[in-house]
N, C-alpha and C. Protein backbone atom coordinates (compact mmCIF):
# COMPACT_ATOMS: atom_id res chain seq x y z
N MET A 1 0.85 -1.19 0.00
CA MET A 1 -0.01 -0.01 0.00
C MET A 1 0.90 1.23 0.00
N LEU A 2 0.56 2.20 -0.81
CA LEU A 2 1.32 3.45 -0.94
C LEU A 2 0.83 4.44 0.12
N SER A 3 1.79 5.11 0.72
CA SER A 3 1.43 6.18 1.68
C SER A 3 1.26 7.48 0.91
N PHE A 4 0.73 8.48 1.60
CA PHE A 4 0.62 9.80 1.02
C PHE A 4 2.00 10.32 0.59
N ARG A 5 2.99 10.11 1.45
CA ARG A 5 4.36 10.55 1.14
C ARG A 5 4.89 9.87 -0.11
N ASP A 6 4.61 8.58 -0.25
CA ASP A 6 5.03 7.85 -1.47
C ASP A 6 4.43 8.51 -2.70
N CYS A 7 3.16 8.83 -2.63
CA CYS A 7 2.46 9.47 -3.77
C CYS A 7 3.04 10.84 -4.04
N LEU A 8 3.29 11.59 -2.98
CA LEU A 8 3.85 12.94 -3.13
C LEU A 8 5.24 12.87 -3.79
N ASP A 9 6.03 11.90 -3.38
CA ASP A 9 7.39 11.78 -3.93
C ASP A 9 7.38 11.41 -5.42
N MET A 10 6.29 10.88 -5.93
CA MET A 10 6.21 10.52 -7.35
C MET A 10 5.72 11.67 -8.24
N THR A 11 5.42 12.82 -7.65
CA THR A 11 4.94 13.95 -8.42
C THR A 11 5.81 15.16 -8.21
N GLU A 12 5.53 16.22 -8.94
CA GLU A 12 6.23 17.49 -8.77
C GLU A 12 5.40 18.46 -7.89
N VAL A 13 4.29 18.04 -7.41
CA VAL A 13 3.43 18.87 -6.60
C VAL A 13 4.08 19.06 -5.22
N THR A 14 4.02 20.30 -4.70
CA THR A 14 4.57 20.53 -3.38
C THR A 14 3.48 20.45 -2.33
N GLU A 15 3.90 20.31 -1.09
CA GLU A 15 2.92 20.28 0.00
C GLU A 15 2.16 21.58 0.08
N GLY A 16 2.79 22.71 -0.16
CA GLY A 16 2.13 24.01 -0.14
C GLY A 16 1.03 24.09 -1.20
N GLU A 17 1.34 23.56 -2.40
CA GLU A 17 0.33 23.55 -3.48
C GLU A 17 -0.84 22.66 -3.10
N ILE A 18 -0.55 21.54 -2.48
CA ILE A 18 -1.62 20.62 -2.03
C ILE A 18 -2.47 21.33 -0.99
N ASP A 19 -1.85 22.03 -0.05
CA ASP A 19 -2.62 22.76 0.99
C ASP A 19 -3.50 23.80 0.34
N ALA A 20 -3.01 24.47 -0.69
CA ALA A 20 -3.81 25.51 -1.39
C ALA A 20 -5.01 24.88 -2.07
N ILE A 21 -4.80 23.72 -2.71
CA ILE A 21 -5.93 23.08 -3.38
C ILE A 21 -6.94 22.57 -2.34
N VAL A 22 -6.45 21.99 -1.26
CA VAL A 22 -7.37 21.50 -0.20
C VAL A 22 -8.22 22.65 0.31
N LYS A 23 -7.58 23.79 0.59
CA LYS A 23 -8.29 24.96 1.12
C LYS A 23 -9.32 25.50 0.11
N HIS A 24 -8.91 25.55 -1.14
CA HIS A 24 -9.73 26.14 -2.18
C HIS A 24 -10.90 25.23 -2.62
N ARG A 25 -10.64 23.94 -2.73
CA ARG A 25 -11.62 23.02 -3.24
C ARG A 25 -12.35 22.20 -2.15
N HIS A 26 -11.88 22.28 -0.94
CA HIS A 26 -12.47 21.50 0.18
C HIS A 26 -12.52 20.01 -0.13
N ILE A 27 -11.35 19.50 -0.48
CA ILE A 27 -11.20 18.08 -0.82
C ILE A 27 -10.09 17.47 0.04
N PRO A 28 -10.08 16.17 0.16
CA PRO A 28 -9.02 15.50 0.95
C PRO A 28 -7.64 15.70 0.30
N PRO A 29 -6.60 15.69 1.08
CA PRO A 29 -5.25 15.90 0.56
C PRO A 29 -4.82 14.96 -0.57
N ILE A 30 -5.20 13.71 -0.47
CA ILE A 30 -4.78 12.74 -1.53
C ILE A 30 -5.46 13.08 -2.87
N VAL A 31 -6.70 13.58 -2.80
CA VAL A 31 -7.42 13.99 -4.03
C VAL A 31 -6.76 15.29 -4.55
N ALA A 32 -6.39 16.18 -3.64
CA ALA A 32 -5.70 17.42 -4.03
C ALA A 32 -4.36 17.10 -4.70
N LEU A 33 -3.67 16.10 -4.20
CA LEU A 33 -2.39 15.70 -4.79
C LEU A 33 -2.62 15.22 -6.22
N GLU A 34 -3.63 14.42 -6.42
CA GLU A 34 -3.91 13.94 -7.76
C GLU A 34 -4.30 15.08 -8.70
N LEU A 35 -5.16 15.99 -8.20
CA LEU A 35 -5.57 17.14 -9.00
C LEU A 35 -4.37 18.04 -9.32
N GLY A 36 -3.52 18.29 -8.34
CA GLY A 36 -2.33 19.12 -8.57
C GLY A 36 -1.41 18.50 -9.59
N HIS A 37 -1.20 17.22 -9.52
CA HIS A 37 -0.38 16.53 -10.50
C HIS A 37 -0.97 16.67 -11.90
N GLN A 38 -2.26 16.53 -12.00
CA GLN A 38 -2.94 16.68 -13.29
C GLN A 38 -2.81 18.11 -13.84
N LEU A 39 -2.97 19.11 -12.94
CA LEU A 39 -2.88 20.48 -13.39
C LEU A 39 -1.51 20.89 -13.88
N LEU A 40 -0.48 20.29 -13.29
CA LEU A 40 0.89 20.64 -13.70
C LEU A 40 1.27 20.10 -15.08
N GLN A 41 0.43 19.29 -15.69
CA GLN A 41 0.79 18.67 -16.97
C GLN A 41 0.61 19.60 -18.16
N THR A 42 -0.16 20.69 -18.04
CA THR A 42 -0.42 21.57 -19.17
C THR A 42 -0.23 23.04 -18.72
N SER A 43 0.01 23.92 -19.69
CA SER A 43 0.15 25.32 -19.35
C SER A 43 -1.17 25.88 -18.81
N GLU A 44 -2.30 25.41 -19.35
CA GLU A 44 -3.59 25.88 -18.84
C GLU A 44 -3.81 25.40 -17.39
N GLY A 45 -3.39 24.20 -17.10
CA GLY A 45 -3.49 23.66 -15.76
C GLY A 45 -2.60 24.41 -14.78
N ARG A 46 -1.40 24.76 -15.25
CA ARG A 46 -0.50 25.53 -14.39
C ARG A 46 -1.07 26.90 -14.08
N GLU A 47 -1.69 27.51 -15.06
CA GLU A 47 -2.35 28.78 -14.82
C GLU A 47 -3.49 28.64 -13.81
N LYS A 48 -4.24 27.57 -13.93
CA LYS A 48 -5.34 27.30 -13.02
C LYS A 48 -4.84 27.11 -11.59
N LEU A 49 -3.74 26.38 -11.43
CA LEU A 49 -3.17 26.14 -10.12
C LEU A 49 -2.62 27.44 -9.55
N ARG A 50 -2.00 28.27 -10.37
CA ARG A 50 -1.54 29.60 -9.95
C ARG A 50 -2.72 30.42 -9.44
N ASP A 51 -3.82 30.36 -10.15
CA ASP A 51 -5.01 31.11 -9.74
C ASP A 51 -5.58 30.60 -8.43
N ILE A 52 -5.56 29.30 -8.24
CA ILE A 52 -6.03 28.72 -6.97
C ILE A 52 -5.21 29.25 -5.80
N ILE A 53 -3.88 29.23 -5.96
CA ILE A 53 -3.02 29.71 -4.90
C ILE A 53 -3.26 31.20 -4.65
N THR A 54 -3.36 31.94 -5.73
CA THR A 54 -3.62 33.40 -5.63
C THR A 54 -4.96 33.66 -4.92
N ASP A 55 -5.96 32.91 -5.23
CA ASP A 55 -7.29 33.04 -4.57
C ASP A 55 -7.17 32.78 -3.08
N ASP A 56 -6.35 31.82 -2.70
CA ASP A 56 -6.16 31.50 -1.28
C ASP A 56 -5.45 32.66 -0.57
N VAL A 57 -4.46 33.30 -1.22
CA VAL A 57 -3.81 34.45 -0.62
C VAL A 57 -4.82 35.57 -0.42
N HIS A 58 -5.62 35.85 -1.45
CA HIS A 58 -6.65 36.88 -1.35
C HIS A 58 -7.63 36.58 -0.23
N ALA A 59 -8.08 35.36 -0.17
CA ALA A 59 -9.07 34.98 0.87
C ALA A 59 -8.48 35.19 2.26
N ALA A 60 -7.24 34.85 2.46
CA ALA A 60 -6.58 35.06 3.75
C ALA A 60 -6.46 36.54 4.07
N GLN A 61 -6.18 37.34 3.04
CA GLN A 61 -6.10 38.80 3.27
C GLN A 61 -7.44 39.36 3.70
N VAL A 62 -8.49 38.95 3.01
CA VAL A 62 -9.84 39.46 3.33
C VAL A 62 -10.23 39.10 4.77
N ARG A 63 -9.84 37.91 5.20
CA ARG A 63 -10.19 37.44 6.53
C ARG A 63 -9.15 37.88 7.58
N HIS A 64 -8.14 38.66 7.16
CA HIS A 64 -7.07 39.14 8.05
C HIS A 64 -6.38 37.98 8.77
N ARG A 65 -6.11 36.94 8.04
CA ARG A 65 -5.38 35.78 8.58
C ARG A 65 -3.97 35.85 8.05
N CYS A 66 -3.14 36.66 8.72
CA CYS A 66 -1.80 36.95 8.21
C CYS A 66 -0.91 35.71 8.11
N GLY A 67 -0.99 34.82 9.06
CA GLY A 67 -0.17 33.61 8.98
C GLY A 67 -0.53 32.76 7.77
N GLU A 68 -1.80 32.60 7.54
CA GLU A 68 -2.24 31.86 6.37
C GLU A 68 -1.85 32.59 5.08
N CYS A 69 -1.98 33.90 5.09
CA CYS A 69 -1.61 34.71 3.94
C CYS A 69 -0.13 34.53 3.65
N GLU A 70 0.72 34.58 4.66
CA GLU A 70 2.15 34.40 4.45
C GLU A 70 2.47 32.99 3.92
N ARG A 71 1.81 32.00 4.46
CA ARG A 71 2.05 30.62 4.02
C ARG A 71 1.69 30.43 2.55
N PHE A 72 0.50 30.90 2.14
CA PHE A 72 0.08 30.74 0.75
C PHE A 72 0.90 31.62 -0.17
N SER A 73 1.32 32.78 0.35
CA SER A 73 2.15 33.67 -0.44
C SER A 73 3.50 33.04 -0.75
N LEU A 74 4.08 32.38 0.24
CA LEU A 74 5.36 31.68 0.01
C LEU A 74 5.19 30.59 -1.00
N THR A 75 4.06 29.89 -0.91
CA THR A 75 3.77 28.84 -1.92
C THR A 75 3.66 29.46 -3.31
N LEU A 76 3.01 30.62 -3.40
CA LEU A 76 2.88 31.33 -4.69
C LEU A 76 4.26 31.77 -5.21
N SER A 77 5.07 32.30 -4.30
CA SER A 77 6.41 32.74 -4.71
C SER A 77 7.22 31.58 -5.27
N ARG A 78 7.20 30.48 -4.58
CA ARG A 78 7.97 29.31 -5.04
C ARG A 78 7.37 28.74 -6.34
N TYR A 79 6.07 28.79 -6.43
CA TYR A 79 5.39 28.32 -7.63
C TYR A 79 5.82 29.19 -8.82
N LEU A 80 5.79 30.52 -8.65
CA LEU A 80 6.18 31.42 -9.73
C LEU A 80 7.62 31.25 -10.13
N GLU A 81 8.52 31.02 -9.15
CA GLU A 81 9.92 30.76 -9.44
C GLU A 81 10.08 29.53 -10.31
N THR A 82 9.29 28.51 -10.01
CA THR A 82 9.39 27.24 -10.73
C THR A 82 8.76 27.29 -12.10
N TYR A 83 7.58 27.89 -12.23
CA TYR A 83 6.82 27.72 -13.45
C TYR A 83 6.74 28.97 -14.33
N SER A 84 6.90 30.16 -13.83
CA SER A 84 6.69 31.31 -14.70
C SER A 84 7.81 31.48 -15.73
N ARG A 85 9.03 31.09 -15.35
CA ARG A 85 10.16 31.24 -16.27
C ARG A 85 10.09 30.26 -17.43
N GLY A 86 9.71 29.03 -17.12
CA GLY A 86 9.74 28.01 -18.16
C GLY A 86 8.41 27.82 -18.88
N ASP A 87 7.44 28.67 -18.56
CA ASP A 87 6.14 28.52 -19.17
C ASP A 87 6.15 29.03 -20.59
N GLU A 88 5.79 28.16 -21.51
CA GLU A 88 5.82 28.53 -22.93
C GLU A 88 4.83 29.62 -23.30
N SER A 89 3.91 29.95 -22.39
CA SER A 89 2.97 31.02 -22.66
C SER A 89 3.64 32.39 -22.66
N GLY A 90 4.82 32.51 -22.00
CA GLY A 90 5.52 33.78 -21.95
C GLY A 90 4.82 34.81 -21.08
N ALA A 91 3.92 34.38 -20.22
CA ALA A 91 3.16 35.31 -19.39
C ALA A 91 4.09 36.02 -18.42
N THR A 92 3.83 37.29 -18.22
CA THR A 92 4.61 38.05 -17.25
C THR A 92 3.87 38.10 -15.94
N ILE A 93 4.60 38.32 -14.87
CA ILE A 93 4.01 38.40 -13.56
C ILE A 93 3.56 39.82 -13.34
N SER A 94 2.28 39.99 -13.03
CA SER A 94 1.73 41.33 -12.77
C SER A 94 2.29 41.88 -11.45
N GLN A 95 2.20 43.19 -11.28
CA GLN A 95 2.66 43.81 -10.06
C GLN A 95 1.92 43.25 -8.85
N ARG A 96 0.59 43.06 -8.97
CA ARG A 96 -0.21 42.55 -7.87
C ARG A 96 0.24 41.12 -7.52
N LEU A 97 0.49 40.31 -8.52
CA LEU A 97 0.92 38.94 -8.28
C LEU A 97 2.30 38.95 -7.58
N ALA A 98 3.17 39.85 -8.00
CA ALA A 98 4.48 39.98 -7.38
C ALA A 98 4.33 40.40 -5.91
N GLU A 99 3.39 41.33 -5.61
CA GLU A 99 3.15 41.74 -4.25
C GLU A 99 2.69 40.57 -3.40
N LEU A 100 1.74 39.80 -3.92
CA LEU A 100 1.24 38.66 -3.15
C LEU A 100 2.33 37.64 -2.89
N ALA A 101 3.16 37.39 -3.89
CA ALA A 101 4.21 36.42 -3.70
C ALA A 101 5.28 36.91 -2.74
N ALA A 102 5.46 38.22 -2.68
CA ALA A 102 6.52 38.81 -1.84
C ALA A 102 6.24 38.63 -0.33
N ILE A 103 4.98 38.47 0.02
CA ILE A 103 4.66 38.35 1.45
C ILE A 103 5.41 37.18 2.07
N GLY A 104 5.37 36.04 1.42
CA GLY A 104 6.03 34.86 1.94
C GLY A 104 7.54 34.96 1.86
N VAL A 105 8.09 35.55 0.81
CA VAL A 105 9.51 35.73 0.69
C VAL A 105 10.05 36.64 1.78
N ALA A 106 9.29 37.71 2.05
CA ALA A 106 9.68 38.65 3.12
C ALA A 106 9.73 37.94 4.44
N GLU A 107 8.78 37.06 4.68
CA GLU A 107 8.74 36.29 5.91
C GLU A 107 10.03 35.50 6.12
N GLU A 108 10.57 34.94 5.04
CA GLU A 108 11.81 34.17 5.12
C GLU A 108 12.99 35.10 5.42
N ARG A 109 12.96 36.31 4.92
CA ARG A 109 14.12 37.22 5.08
C ARG A 109 14.11 38.01 6.36
N GLU A 110 13.00 37.98 7.09
CA GLU A 110 12.90 38.75 8.31
C GLU A 110 13.90 38.34 9.36
N GLY A 111 14.34 37.11 9.31
CA GLY A 111 15.23 36.59 10.36
C GLY A 111 16.64 37.10 10.28
N GLU A 112 16.98 37.89 9.29
CA GLU A 112 18.33 38.37 9.12
C GLU A 112 18.41 39.89 8.96
N PRO A 113 17.85 40.66 9.93
CA PRO A 113 17.86 42.13 9.78
C PRO A 113 19.26 42.73 9.75
N GLU A 114 20.23 42.09 10.38
CA GLU A 114 21.56 42.66 10.40
C GLU A 114 22.22 42.63 9.03
N LYS A 115 21.71 41.81 8.13
CA LYS A 115 22.26 41.71 6.77
C LYS A 115 21.55 42.67 5.82
N MET A 116 20.60 43.45 6.34
CA MET A 116 19.80 44.31 5.47
C MET A 116 20.38 45.73 5.40
N SER A 117 20.10 46.34 4.27
CA SER A 117 20.46 47.76 4.11
C SER A 117 19.51 48.57 4.99
N PRO A 118 19.83 49.84 5.22
CA PRO A 118 18.90 50.69 5.97
C PRO A 118 17.47 50.73 5.40
N SER A 119 17.38 50.74 4.07
CA SER A 119 16.03 50.75 3.47
C SER A 119 15.30 49.43 3.73
N GLY A 120 16.07 48.32 3.78
CA GLY A 120 15.50 47.04 4.09
C GLY A 120 15.01 46.99 5.54
N GLN A 121 15.80 47.55 6.45
CA GLN A 121 15.43 47.59 7.87
C GLN A 121 14.18 48.46 8.05
N ASP A 122 14.09 49.57 7.34
CA ASP A 122 12.89 50.43 7.39
C ASP A 122 11.67 49.68 6.89
N ALA A 123 11.85 48.97 5.77
CA ALA A 123 10.73 48.21 5.21
C ALA A 123 10.30 47.12 6.17
N LEU A 124 11.25 46.46 6.86
CA LEU A 124 10.95 45.44 7.83
C LEU A 124 10.16 46.01 8.98
N GLN A 125 10.58 47.17 9.50
CA GLN A 125 9.83 47.79 10.60
C GLN A 125 8.41 48.15 10.17
N ALA A 126 8.23 48.72 9.00
CA ALA A 126 6.91 49.05 8.52
C ALA A 126 6.06 47.82 8.31
N LEU A 127 6.69 46.73 7.81
CA LEU A 127 6.00 45.48 7.62
C LEU A 127 5.48 44.91 8.95
N ASN A 128 6.35 44.94 9.95
CA ASN A 128 5.96 44.43 11.28
C ASN A 128 4.82 45.26 11.88
N GLU A 129 4.83 46.56 11.65
CA GLU A 129 3.72 47.42 12.14
C GLU A 129 2.42 47.09 11.41
N ALA A 130 2.51 46.81 10.12
CA ALA A 130 1.30 46.42 9.37
C ALA A 130 0.78 45.09 9.84
N LYS A 131 1.69 44.16 10.16
CA LYS A 131 1.25 42.86 10.69
C LYS A 131 0.56 43.03 12.03
N ASP A 132 1.10 43.91 12.88
CA ASP A 132 0.47 44.16 14.18
C ASP A 132 -0.96 44.68 14.04
N ARG A 133 -1.20 45.42 12.95
CA ARG A 133 -2.54 45.94 12.66
C ARG A 133 -3.39 44.94 11.89
N SER A 134 -2.79 43.80 11.54
CA SER A 134 -3.45 42.78 10.68
C SER A 134 -3.91 43.44 9.36
N ASP A 135 -3.07 44.27 8.81
CA ASP A 135 -3.35 44.96 7.53
C ASP A 135 -2.67 44.20 6.43
N CYS A 136 -3.33 43.17 5.94
CA CYS A 136 -2.75 42.28 4.92
C CYS A 136 -2.43 42.97 3.62
N CYS A 137 -3.25 43.97 3.23
CA CYS A 137 -2.98 44.68 1.98
C CYS A 137 -1.68 45.47 2.08
N ALA A 138 -1.49 46.14 3.22
CA ALA A 138 -0.21 46.84 3.44
C ALA A 138 0.93 45.86 3.50
N CYS A 139 0.70 44.70 4.09
CA CYS A 139 1.75 43.67 4.16
C CYS A 139 2.24 43.30 2.75
N ALA A 140 1.32 43.20 1.80
CA ALA A 140 1.70 42.82 0.44
C ALA A 140 2.61 43.86 -0.16
N LYS A 141 2.28 45.10 -0.06
CA LYS A 141 3.13 46.14 -0.64
C LYS A 141 4.47 46.29 0.11
N LEU A 142 4.41 46.24 1.41
CA LEU A 142 5.63 46.39 2.20
C LEU A 142 6.54 45.17 2.04
N SER A 143 5.97 43.99 1.88
CA SER A 143 6.76 42.81 1.65
C SER A 143 7.54 42.92 0.35
N LEU A 144 6.88 43.47 -0.66
CA LEU A 144 7.53 43.66 -1.94
C LEU A 144 8.69 44.61 -1.80
N GLU A 145 8.50 45.71 -1.04
CA GLU A 145 9.60 46.65 -0.78
C GLU A 145 10.76 45.97 -0.07
N LEU A 146 10.42 45.15 0.91
CA LEU A 146 11.44 44.43 1.67
C LEU A 146 12.24 43.50 0.77
N VAL A 147 11.52 42.75 -0.06
CA VAL A 147 12.17 41.82 -0.97
C VAL A 147 13.12 42.58 -1.93
N HIS A 148 12.65 43.69 -2.47
CA HIS A 148 13.49 44.49 -3.37
C HIS A 148 14.70 45.04 -2.63
N ALA A 149 14.49 45.53 -1.42
CA ALA A 149 15.59 46.12 -0.64
C ALA A 149 16.62 45.06 -0.29
N THR A 150 16.19 43.87 0.10
CA THR A 150 17.15 42.80 0.45
C THR A 150 17.81 42.24 -0.79
N ARG A 151 17.10 42.21 -1.88
CA ARG A 151 17.68 41.71 -3.14
C ARG A 151 18.76 42.70 -3.62
N ASP A 152 18.48 43.99 -3.50
CA ASP A 152 19.42 45.02 -3.93
C ASP A 152 20.69 45.05 -3.07
N SER A 153 20.53 44.74 -1.78
CA SER A 153 21.69 44.80 -0.88
C SER A 153 22.39 43.46 -0.76
N GLY A 154 21.71 42.37 -1.16
CA GLY A 154 22.27 41.05 -0.98
C GLY A 154 22.96 40.53 -2.17
């Protein structure tokens, strides 16, 4: 008998993508794994999966669930890194999609403030203040600033 982990290891679907599908479609994880695997087989399917993850980020923002927003945003960021470059559609990432993806990336970079430029440290402080207010829309914009500041200095 195959375990969930065995099935996951046979696909390119990530656990974050599975979580996004589960949240969006309200289906069991093993079914989400199968659906994710199927979606990754075509450019239309990859777009659909990207939209599912994006919808989950938006839903978390609307409900002011910052932790969930950060988690799905990081999934979106990793997804875009993996699939937007090699996608034969040549689609570009919109500013809004970049903002949503930056939330999760900024979360990863917060642990190293001493390596940041002054502008990065300012963006980090503003981001933390927005999180304290549960202002997910501000988090998106400020996260993008933080990612740019740390990318420029790193």
